[in-house]
Every structure is written in C-alpha cells, then in structure tokens.
C-alpha cells in the first residue's frame, strides 16, 4: 500500500491509435500516445490501480500507479564506437593534437 502524499509516477493513455492524427507516420499511428507523470498521491493506493495525483504545478492527473519514489534514470544510450572516433577527430581539428 502506498500512502497518500507519497511522490509517485503514473501512466496515462492520452490518445488511442484510432484517435491519432492522419498526417503522422504509419508506425506512430499504430500505437497509443502515452504520458508518464510524477506527483503527490491524493489517496492511499496499490501499484496498478487507477489513481489521482497532484503535480508540482498544481494539476490533477489521473492514471495507473506505476511506482513510489521514482528514480531519475537518464542516459545517452549504448556505447557507439563512431562517436568516440568523432571525438578524437574534433579534438585534433580544434586543438591540433592527438
């Protein structure tokens, strides 16, 4: 049970595939537009249940409760050898050395 007032993350379907705009790519039209939002839980709830939260800007949003105290998980993807090589080329051009 996650308690009221806890910092949580929810998931909400904004548009179903049939509601997507006609001019977007076919691959995009086939999937839902989904929003993930963080905020303060307004009532005690279990993960997986539909809940309401209050965001830091004061909006009330409703969605499926995913987790309590969500961590920041940012990265720039997997290692790409070519990017390392480009770095060396740029350094050599800018600074004239290896």
Foldseek 3Di string as FASTA:
>chain_A
DDAFFFKFKFKDFPAALVRDDPPDDPVVSHGTDMDIAIATWHGDDDQQDWGWGQHPVGDIDIGGTHDTPDDDDDDDDDDDVVVVVVVVVVCCVVPVDD
